[in-house]
PDB file of N, CA and C in Angstrom:
ATOM      1  N   MET A   1     -56.801  10.892 -36.669  1.00  0.00           N
ATOM      2  CA  MET A   1     -56.958  10.855 -35.232  1.00  0.00           C
ATOM      3  C   MET A   1     -56.088   9.747 -34.673  1.00  0.00           C
ATOM      4  N   SER A   2     -55.303  10.064 -33.707  1.00  0.00           N
ATOM      5  CA  SER A   2     -54.443   9.063 -33.094  1.00  0.00           C
ATOM      6  C   SER A   2     -55.068   8.585 -31.787  1.00  0.00           C
ATOM      7  N   PHE A   3     -54.503   7.527 -31.253  1.00  0.00           N
ATOM      8  CA  PHE A   3     -55.002   7.005 -29.986  1.00  0.00           C
ATOM      9  C   PHE A   3     -54.692   7.961 -28.837  1.00  0.00           C
ATOM     10  N   LYS A   4     -53.722   8.825 -29.023  1.00  0.00           N
ATOM     11  CA  LYS A   4     -53.375   9.793 -27.992  1.00  0.00           C
ATOM     12  C   LYS A   4     -54.522  10.780 -27.779  1.00  0.00           C
ATOM     13  N   ASP A   5     -55.303  11.056 -28.821  1.00  0.00           N
ATOM     14  CA  ASP A   5     -56.404  12.002 -28.739  1.00  0.00           C
ATOM     15  C   ASP A   5     -57.658  11.391 -28.114  1.00  0.00           C
ATOM     16  N   ARG A   6     -57.691  10.095 -27.942  1.00  0.00           N
ATOM     17  CA  ARG A   6     -58.879   9.439 -27.397  1.00  0.00           C
ATOM     18  C   ARG A   6     -58.952   9.641 -25.890  1.00  0.00           C
ATOM     19  N   PRO A   7     -60.155   9.756 -25.351  1.00  0.00           N
ATOM     20  CA  PRO A   7     -60.287   9.928 -23.905  1.00  0.00           C
ATOM     21  C   PRO A   7     -59.930   8.648 -23.156  1.00  0.00           C
ATOM     22  N   MET A   8     -59.334   8.814 -21.997  1.00  0.00           N
ATOM     23  CA  MET A   8     -58.984   7.669 -21.162  1.00  0.00           C
ATOM     24  C   MET A   8     -60.182   7.299 -20.294  1.00  0.00           C
ATOM     25  N   LEU A   9     -60.230   6.060 -19.847  1.00  0.00           N
ATOM     26  CA  LEU A   9     -61.329   5.610 -19.002  1.00  0.00           C
ATOM     27  C   LEU A   9     -61.075   6.029 -17.564  1.00  0.00           C
ATOM     28  N   SER A  10     -62.118   6.514 -16.916  1.00  0.00           N
ATOM     29  CA  SER A  10     -62.007   6.861 -15.501  1.00  0.00           C
ATOM     30  C   SER A  10     -62.013   5.571 -14.678  1.00  0.00           C
ATOM     31  N   THR A  11     -61.738   5.699 -13.391  1.00  0.00           N
ATOM     32  CA  THR A  11     -61.700   4.529 -12.512  1.00  0.00           C
ATOM     33  C   THR A  11     -63.067   3.863 -12.439  1.00  0.00           C
ATOM     34  N   GLY A  12     -64.124   4.650 -12.351  1.00  0.00           N
ATOM     35  CA  GLY A  12     -65.471   4.078 -12.313  1.00  0.00           C
ATOM     36  C   GLY A  12     -65.818   3.308 -13.570  1.00  0.00           C
ATOM     37  N   LYS A  13     -65.405   3.824 -14.726  1.00  0.00           N
ATOM     38  CA  LYS A  13     -65.667   3.131 -15.990  1.00  0.00           C
ATOM     39  C   LYS A  13     -64.858   1.841 -16.082  1.00  0.00           C
ATOM     40  N   LYS A  14     -63.627   1.871 -15.580  1.00  0.00           N
ATOM     41  CA  LYS A  14     -62.811   0.651 -15.580  1.00  0.00           C
ATOM     42  C   LYS A  14     -63.436  -0.411 -14.685  1.00  0.00           C
ATOM     43  N   ILE A  15     -63.920  -0.004 -13.507  1.00  0.00           N
ATOM     44  CA  ILE A  15     -64.578  -0.952 -12.604  1.00  0.00           C
ATOM     45  C   ILE A  15     -65.842  -1.507 -13.264  1.00  0.00           C
ATOM     46  N   GLY A  16     -66.588  -0.647 -13.950  1.00  0.00           N
ATOM     47  CA  GLY A  16     -67.777  -1.102 -14.660  1.00  0.00           C
ATOM     48  C   GLY A  16     -67.455  -2.103 -15.751  1.00  0.00           C
ATOM     49  N   CYS A  17     -66.368  -1.875 -16.477  1.00  0.00           N
ATOM     50  CA  CYS A  17     -65.967  -2.816 -17.530  1.00  0.00           C
ATOM     51  C   CYS A  17     -65.571  -4.164 -16.936  1.00  0.00           C
ATOM     52  N   PHE A  18     -64.805  -4.145 -15.837  1.00  0.00           N
ATOM     53  CA  PHE A  18     -64.415  -5.406 -15.200  1.00  0.00           C
ATOM     54  C   PHE A  18     -65.630  -6.124 -14.616  1.00  0.00           C
ATOM     55  N   ALA A  19     -66.590  -5.378 -14.076  1.00  0.00           N
ATOM     56  CA  ALA A  19     -67.813  -6.001 -13.566  1.00  0.00           C
ATOM     57  C   ALA A  19     -68.607  -6.621 -14.717  1.00  0.00           C
ATOM     58  N   TYR A  20     -68.666  -5.934 -15.857  1.00  0.00           N
ATOM     59  CA  TYR A  20     -69.365  -6.473 -17.024  1.00  0.00           C
ATOM     60  C   TYR A  20     -68.693  -7.767 -17.492  1.00  0.00           C
ATOM     61  N   ILE A  21     -67.370  -7.777 -17.502  1.00  0.00           N
ATOM     62  CA  ILE A  21     -66.641  -8.985 -17.913  1.00  0.00           C
ATOM     63  C   ILE A  21     -66.947 -10.139 -16.962  1.00  0.00           C
ATOM     64  N   GLY A  22     -66.931  -9.864 -15.656  1.00  0.00           N
ATOM     65  CA  GLY A  22     -67.195 -10.920 -14.676  1.00  0.00           C
ATOM     66  C   GLY A  22     -68.610 -11.459 -14.779  1.00  0.00           C
ATOM     67  N   ILE A  23     -69.586 -10.568 -14.856  1.00  0.00           N
ATOM     68  CA  ILE A  23     -70.980 -11.009 -14.955  1.00  0.00           C
ATOM     69  C   ILE A  23     -71.233 -11.696 -16.294  1.00  0.00           C
ATOM     70  N   GLY A  24     -70.647 -11.158 -17.374  1.00  0.00           N
ATOM     71  CA  GLY A  24     -70.799 -11.784 -18.687  1.00  0.00           C
ATOM     72  C   GLY A  24     -70.208 -13.182 -18.731  1.00  0.00           C
ATOM     73  N   THR A  25     -69.074 -13.364 -18.073  1.00  0.00           N
ATOM     74  CA  THR A  25     -68.448 -14.690 -18.015  1.00  0.00           C
ATOM     75  C   THR A  25     -69.357 -15.674 -17.284  1.00  0.00           C
ATOM     76  N   LEU A  26     -69.935 -15.236 -16.171  1.00  0.00           N
ATOM     77  CA  LEU A  26     -70.841 -16.120 -15.430  1.00  0.00           C
ATOM     78  C   LEU A  26     -72.077 -16.481 -16.255  1.00  0.00           C
ATOM     79  N   VAL A  27     -72.621 -15.514 -16.974  1.00  0.00           N
ATOM     80  CA  VAL A  27     -73.802 -15.775 -17.800  1.00  0.00           C
ATOM     81  C   VAL A  27     -73.478 -16.778 -18.908  1.00  0.00           C
ATOM     82  N   VAL A  28     -72.334 -16.594 -19.560  1.00  0.00           N
ATOM     83  CA  VAL A  28     -71.954 -17.502 -20.650  1.00  0.00           C
ATOM     84  C   VAL A  28     -71.663 -18.907 -20.114  1.00  0.00           C
ATOM     85  N   LEU A  29     -70.981 -18.995 -18.972  1.00  0.00           N
ATOM     86  CA  LEU A  29     -70.705 -20.322 -18.404  1.00  0.00           C
ATOM     87  C   LEU A  29     -71.993 -21.011 -17.962  1.00  0.00           C
ATOM     88  N   PHE A  30     -72.922 -20.246 -17.395  1.00  0.00           N
ATOM     89  CA  PHE A  30     -74.217 -20.812 -17.029  1.00  0.00           C
ATOM     90  C   PHE A  30     -74.942 -21.320 -18.281  1.00  0.00           C
ATOM     91  N   GLY A  31     -74.898 -20.545 -19.358  1.00  0.00           N
ATOM     92  CA  GLY A  31     -75.518 -20.970 -20.607  1.00  0.00           C
ATOM     93  C   GLY A  31     -74.854 -22.200 -21.189  1.00  0.00           C
ATOM     94  N   LEU A  32     -73.527 -22.269 -21.086  1.00  0.00           N
ATOM     95  CA  LEU A  32     -72.798 -23.439 -21.589  1.00  0.00           C
ATOM     96  C   LEU A  32     -73.181 -24.688 -20.814  1.00  0.00           C
ATOM     97  N   ILE A  33     -73.213 -24.588 -19.500  1.00  0.00           N
ATOM     98  CA  ILE A  33     -73.573 -25.744 -18.679  1.00  0.00           C
ATOM     99  C   ILE A  33     -75.031 -26.140 -18.929  1.00  0.00           C
ATOM    100  N   GLY A  34     -75.910 -25.136 -18.988  1.00  0.00           N
ATOM    101  CA  GLY A  34     -77.314 -25.437 -19.252  1.00  0.00           C
ATOM    102  C   GLY A  34     -77.533 -26.059 -20.613  1.00  0.00           C
ATOM    103  N   SER A  35     -76.779 -25.612 -21.593  1.00  0.00           N
ATOM    104  CA  SER A  35     -76.893 -26.183 -22.936  1.00  0.00           C
ATOM    105  C   SER A  35     -76.375 -27.612 -22.973  1.00  0.00           C
ATOM    106  N   ALA A  36     -75.270 -27.869 -22.279  1.00  0.00           N
ATOM    107  CA  ALA A  36     -74.691 -29.210 -22.291  1.00  0.00           C
ATOM    108  C   ALA A  36     -75.536 -30.199 -21.499  1.00  0.00           C
ATOM    109  N   LEU A  37     -76.060 -29.774 -20.363  1.00  0.00           N
ATOM    110  CA  LEU A  37     -76.839 -30.690 -19.530  1.00  0.00           C
ATOM    111  C   LEU A  37     -78.288 -30.811 -19.976  1.00  0.00           C
ATOM    112  N   GLY A  38     -78.773 -29.836 -20.717  1.00  0.00           N
ATOM    113  CA  GLY A  38     -80.178 -29.842 -21.100  1.00  0.00           C
ATOM    114  C   GLY A  38     -80.463 -30.607 -22.371  1.00  0.00           C
ATOM    115  N   ASP A  39     -79.458 -31.113 -23.032  1.00  0.00           N
ATOM    116  CA  ASP A  39     -79.668 -31.825 -24.276  1.00  0.00           C
ATOM    117  C   ASP A  39     -80.183 -33.231 -23.986  1.00  0.00           C
ATOM    118  N   CYS A  40     -81.087 -33.696 -24.799  1.00  0.00           N
ATOM    119  CA  CYS A  40     -81.593 -35.055 -24.657  1.00  0.00           C
ATOM    120  C   CYS A  40     -81.951 -35.595 -26.035  1.00  0.00           C
ATOM    121  N   ALA A  41     -82.244 -36.846 -26.081  1.00  0.00           N
ATOM    122  CA  ALA A  41     -82.574 -37.489 -27.356  1.00  0.00           C
ATOM    123  C   ALA A  41     -83.906 -36.954 -27.866  1.00  0.00           C
ATOM    124  N   ASP A  42     -84.040 -36.921 -29.165  1.00  0.00           N
ATOM    125  CA  ASP A  42     -85.298 -36.450 -29.753  1.00  0.00           C
ATOM    126  C   ASP A  42     -86.366 -37.525 -29.584  1.00  0.00           C
ATOM    127  N   THR A  43     -87.235 -37.301 -28.650  1.00  0.00           N
ATOM    128  CA  THR A  43     -88.338 -38.217 -28.420  1.00  0.00           C
ATOM    129  C   THR A  43     -89.622 -37.405 -28.377  1.00  0.00           C
ATOM    130  N   ALA A  44     -90.719 -38.068 -28.134  1.00  0.00           N
ATOM    131  CA  ALA A  44     -92.006 -37.385 -28.053  1.00  0.00           C
ATOM    132  C   ALA A  44     -92.176 -36.638 -26.729  1.00  0.00           C
ATOM    133  N   ASP A  45     -91.226 -36.807 -25.817  1.00  0.00           N
ATOM    134  CA  ASP A  45     -91.302 -36.133 -24.514  1.00  0.00           C
ATOM    135  C   ASP A  45     -91.162 -34.628 -24.719  1.00  0.00           C
ATOM    136  N   SER A  46     -92.072 -33.857 -24.156  1.00  0.00           N
ATOM    137  CA  SER A  46     -92.048 -32.413 -24.363  1.00  0.00           C
ATOM    138  C   SER A  46     -91.072 -31.701 -23.439  1.00  0.00           C
ATOM    139  N   SER A  47     -90.421 -32.416 -22.516  1.00  0.00           N
ATOM    140  CA  SER A  47     -89.498 -31.768 -21.600  1.00  0.00           C
ATOM    141  C   SER A  47     -88.139 -31.483 -22.257  1.00  0.00           C
ATOM    142  N   CYS A  48     -87.890 -32.035 -23.422  1.00  0.00           N
ATOM    143  CA  CYS A  48     -86.632 -31.789 -24.115  1.00  0.00           C
ATOM    144  C   CYS A  48     -86.647 -30.402 -24.749  1.00  0.00           C
ATOM    145  N   LYS A  49     -85.529 -29.706 -24.634  1.00  0.00           N
ATOM    146  CA  LYS A  49     -85.424 -28.398 -25.276  1.00  0.00           C
ATOM    147  C   LYS A  49     -85.149 -28.595 -26.768  1.00  0.00           C
ATOM    148  N   ASN A  50     -85.629 -27.682 -27.558  1.00  0.00           N
ATOM    149  CA  ASN A  50     -85.332 -27.773 -28.977  1.00  0.00           C
ATOM    150  C   ASN A  50     -83.950 -27.179 -29.254  1.00  0.00           C
ATOM    151  N   ASN A  51     -83.481 -27.319 -30.462  1.00  0.00           N
ATOM    152  CA  ASN A  51     -82.141 -26.857 -30.797  1.00  0.00           C
ATOM    153  C   ASN A  51     -82.015 -25.347 -30.716  1.00  0.00           C
ATOM    154  N   PHE A  52     -83.089 -24.608 -30.977  1.00  0.00           N
ATOM    155  CA  PHE A  52     -83.028 -23.152 -30.895  1.00  0.00           C
ATOM    156  C   PHE A  52     -82.794 -22.697 -29.458  1.00  0.00           C
ATOM    157  N   ALA A  53     -83.404 -23.375 -28.493  1.00  0.00           N
ATOM    158  CA  ALA A  53     -83.183 -23.038 -27.081  1.00  0.00           C
ATOM    159  C   ALA A  53     -81.733 -23.314 -26.693  1.00  0.00           C
ATOM    160  N   ASN A  54     -81.168 -24.411 -27.168  1.00  0.00           N
ATOM    161  CA  ASN A  54     -79.752 -24.696 -26.890  1.00  0.00           C
ATOM    162  C   ASN A  54     -78.849 -23.654 -27.536  1.00  0.00           C
ATOM    163  N   PHE A  55     -79.203 -23.195 -28.719  1.00  0.00           N
ATOM    164  CA  PHE A  55     -78.412 -22.156 -29.374  1.00  0.00           C
ATOM    165  C   PHE A  55     -78.444 -20.861 -28.569  1.00  0.00           C
ATOM    166  N   LEU A  56     -79.615 -20.504 -28.039  1.00  0.00           N
ATOM    167  CA  LEU A  56     -79.717 -19.282 -27.252  1.00  0.00           C
ATOM    168  C   LEU A  56     -78.929 -19.378 -25.956  1.00  0.00           C
ATOM    169  N   LEU A  57     -78.823 -20.573 -25.379  1.00  0.00           N
ATOM    170  CA  LEU A  57     -78.111 -20.709 -24.114  1.00  0.00           C
ATOM    171  C   LEU A  57     -76.616 -20.476 -24.265  1.00  0.00           C
ATOM    172  N   PHE A  58     -75.962 -21.166 -25.200  1.00  0.00           N
ATOM    173  CA  PHE A  58     -74.515 -20.982 -25.252  1.00  0.00           C
ATOM    174  C   PHE A  58     -74.041 -20.023 -26.319  1.00  0.00           C
ATOM    175  N   PRO A  59     -74.088 -20.338 -27.588  1.00  0.00           N
ATOM    176  CA  PRO A  59     -73.508 -19.374 -28.524  1.00  0.00           C
ATOM    177  C   PRO A  59     -74.265 -18.057 -28.542  1.00  0.00           C
ATOM    178  N   GLY A  60     -75.566 -18.106 -28.310  1.00  0.00           N
ATOM    179  CA  GLY A  60     -76.345 -16.873 -28.305  1.00  0.00           C
ATOM    180  C   GLY A  60     -75.946 -15.945 -27.174  1.00  0.00           C
ATOM    181  N   SER A  61     -75.792 -16.495 -25.971  1.00  0.00           N
ATOM    182  CA  SER A  61     -75.389 -15.654 -24.841  1.00  0.00           C
ATOM    183  C   SER A  61     -73.972 -15.133 -25.024  1.00  0.00           C
ATOM    184  N   LEU A  62     -73.100 -15.914 -25.614  1.00  0.00           N
ATOM    185  CA  LEU A  62     -71.736 -15.462 -25.880  1.00  0.00           C
ATOM    186  C   LEU A  62     -71.733 -14.296 -26.860  1.00  0.00           C
ATOM    187  N   LEU A  63     -72.522 -14.397 -27.918  1.00  0.00           N
ATOM    188  CA  LEU A  63     -72.599 -13.308 -28.894  1.00  0.00           C
ATOM    189  C   LEU A  63     -73.178 -12.041 -28.273  1.00  0.00           C
ATOM    190  N   ILE A  64     -74.186 -12.190 -27.427  1.00  0.00           N
ATOM    191  CA  ILE A  64     -74.783 -11.024 -26.767  1.00  0.00           C
ATOM    192  C   ILE A  64     -73.768 -10.344 -25.862  1.00  0.00           C
ATOM    193  N   VAL A  65     -72.984 -11.110 -25.113  1.00  0.00           N
ATOM    194  CA  VAL A  65     -71.971 -10.534 -24.222  1.00  0.00           C
ATOM    195  C   VAL A  65     -70.865  -9.852 -25.030  1.00  0.00           C
ATOM    196  N   ILE A  66     -70.454 -10.441 -26.130  1.00  0.00           N
ATOM    197  CA  ILE A  66     -69.404  -9.835 -26.960  1.00  0.00           C
ATOM    198  C   ILE A  66     -69.900  -8.526 -27.575  1.00  0.00           C
ATOM    199  N   PHE A  67     -71.104  -8.530 -28.151  1.00  0.00           N
ATOM    200  CA  PHE A  67     -71.639  -7.299 -28.735  1.00  0.00           C
ATOM    201  C   PHE A  67     -71.901  -6.237 -27.672  1.00  0.00           C
ATOM    202  N   GLY A  68     -72.347  -6.660 -26.504  1.00  0.00           N
ATOM    203  CA  GLY A  68     -72.552  -5.717 -25.404  1.00  0.00           C
ATOM    204  C   GLY A  68     -71.247  -5.089 -24.945  1.00  0.00           C
ATOM    205  N   GLY A  69     -70.180  -5.879 -24.890  1.00  0.00           N
ATOM    206  CA  GLY A  69     -68.867  -5.348 -24.527  1.00  0.00           C
ATOM    207  C   GLY A  69     -68.330  -4.381 -25.561  1.00  0.00           C
ATOM    208  N   ALA A  70     -68.552  -4.694 -26.836  1.00  0.00           N
ATOM    209  CA  ALA A  70     -68.112  -3.780 -27.892  1.00  0.00           C
ATOM    210  C   ALA A  70     -68.883  -2.459 -27.812  1.00  0.00           C
ATOM    211  N   LEU A  71     -70.179  -2.540 -27.540  1.00  0.00           N
ATOM    212  CA  LEU A  71     -70.980  -1.333 -27.387  1.00  0.00           C
ATOM    213  C   LEU A  71     -70.532  -0.523 -26.171  1.00  0.00           C
ATOM    214  N   LEU A  72     -70.229  -1.208 -25.088  1.00  0.00           N
ATOM    215  CA  LEU A  72     -69.750  -0.542 -23.874  1.00  0.00           C
ATOM    216  C   LEU A  72     -68.446   0.197 -24.135  1.00  0.00           C
ATOM    217  N   LEU A  73     -67.513  -0.439 -24.806  1.00  0.00           N
ATOM    218  CA  LEU A  73     -66.244   0.225 -25.132  1.00  0.00           C
ATOM    219  C   LEU A  73     -66.447   1.393 -26.084  1.00  0.00           C
ATOM    220  N   TRP A  74     -67.348   1.243 -27.052  1.00  0.00           N
ATOM    221  CA  TRP A  74     -67.601   2.330 -27.988  1.00  0.00           C
ATOM    222  C   TRP A  74     -68.176   3.546 -27.274  1.00  0.00           C
ATOM    223  N   VAL A  75     -69.115   3.309 -26.367  1.00  0.00           N
ATOM    224  CA  VAL A  75     -69.725   4.432 -25.644  1.00  0.00           C
ATOM    225  C   VAL A  75     -68.702   5.098 -24.724  1.00  0.00           C
ATOM    226  N   PHE A  76     -67.874   4.310 -24.060  1.00  0.00           N
ATOM    227  CA  PHE A  76     -66.925   4.864 -23.100  1.00  0.00           C
ATOM    228  C   PHE A  76     -65.764   5.578 -23.762  1.00  0.00           C
ATOM    229  N   THR A  77     -65.377   5.175 -24.964  1.00  0.00           N
ATOM    230  CA  THR A  77     -64.183   5.758 -25.585  1.00  0.00           C
ATOM    231  C   THR A  77     -64.488   6.700 -26.718  1.00  0.00           C
ATOM    232  N   ARG A  78     -65.739   7.019 -26.961  1.00  0.00           N
ATOM    233  CA  ARG A  78     -66.041   7.953 -28.050  1.00  0.00           C
ATOM    234  C   ARG A  78     -65.648   9.369 -27.661  1.00  0.00           C
ATOM    235  N   SER A  79     -65.409  10.153 -28.655  1.00  0.00           N
ATOM    236  CA  SER A  79     -64.995  11.535 -28.440  1.00  0.00           C
ATOM    237  C   SER A  79     -66.178  12.377 -27.984  1.00  0.00           C
ATOM    238  N   GLU A  80     -65.931  13.314 -27.100  1.00  0.00           N
ATOM    239  CA  GLU A  80     -66.997  14.159 -26.579  1.00  0.00           C
ATOM    240  C   GLU A  80     -67.470  15.179 -27.600  1.00  0.00           C
ATOM    241  N   SER A  81     -66.623  15.513 -28.566  1.00  0.00           N
ATOM    242  CA  SER A  81     -67.005  16.555 -29.535  1.00  0.00           C
ATOM    243  C   SER A  81     -67.701  15.969 -30.747  1.00  0.00           C
TER     244      SER A  81
END
């Protein structure tokens, strides 16, 4: 199967992909800022986030956006037959 046989994306699908990229970028940047600003010294204060919460904010959100984008491309470019 060559790339010539693959279906092309319609205008609506292209707009959806660009919207996903824009929203995903905002989510990841928000997670990065929240992870960087939310870190504090390990003390007995319960207001500090644990390391797992920091992981979910930045690298976790980035991985979710990347896997979501790969899934989006797979669904949009799969063969109809």
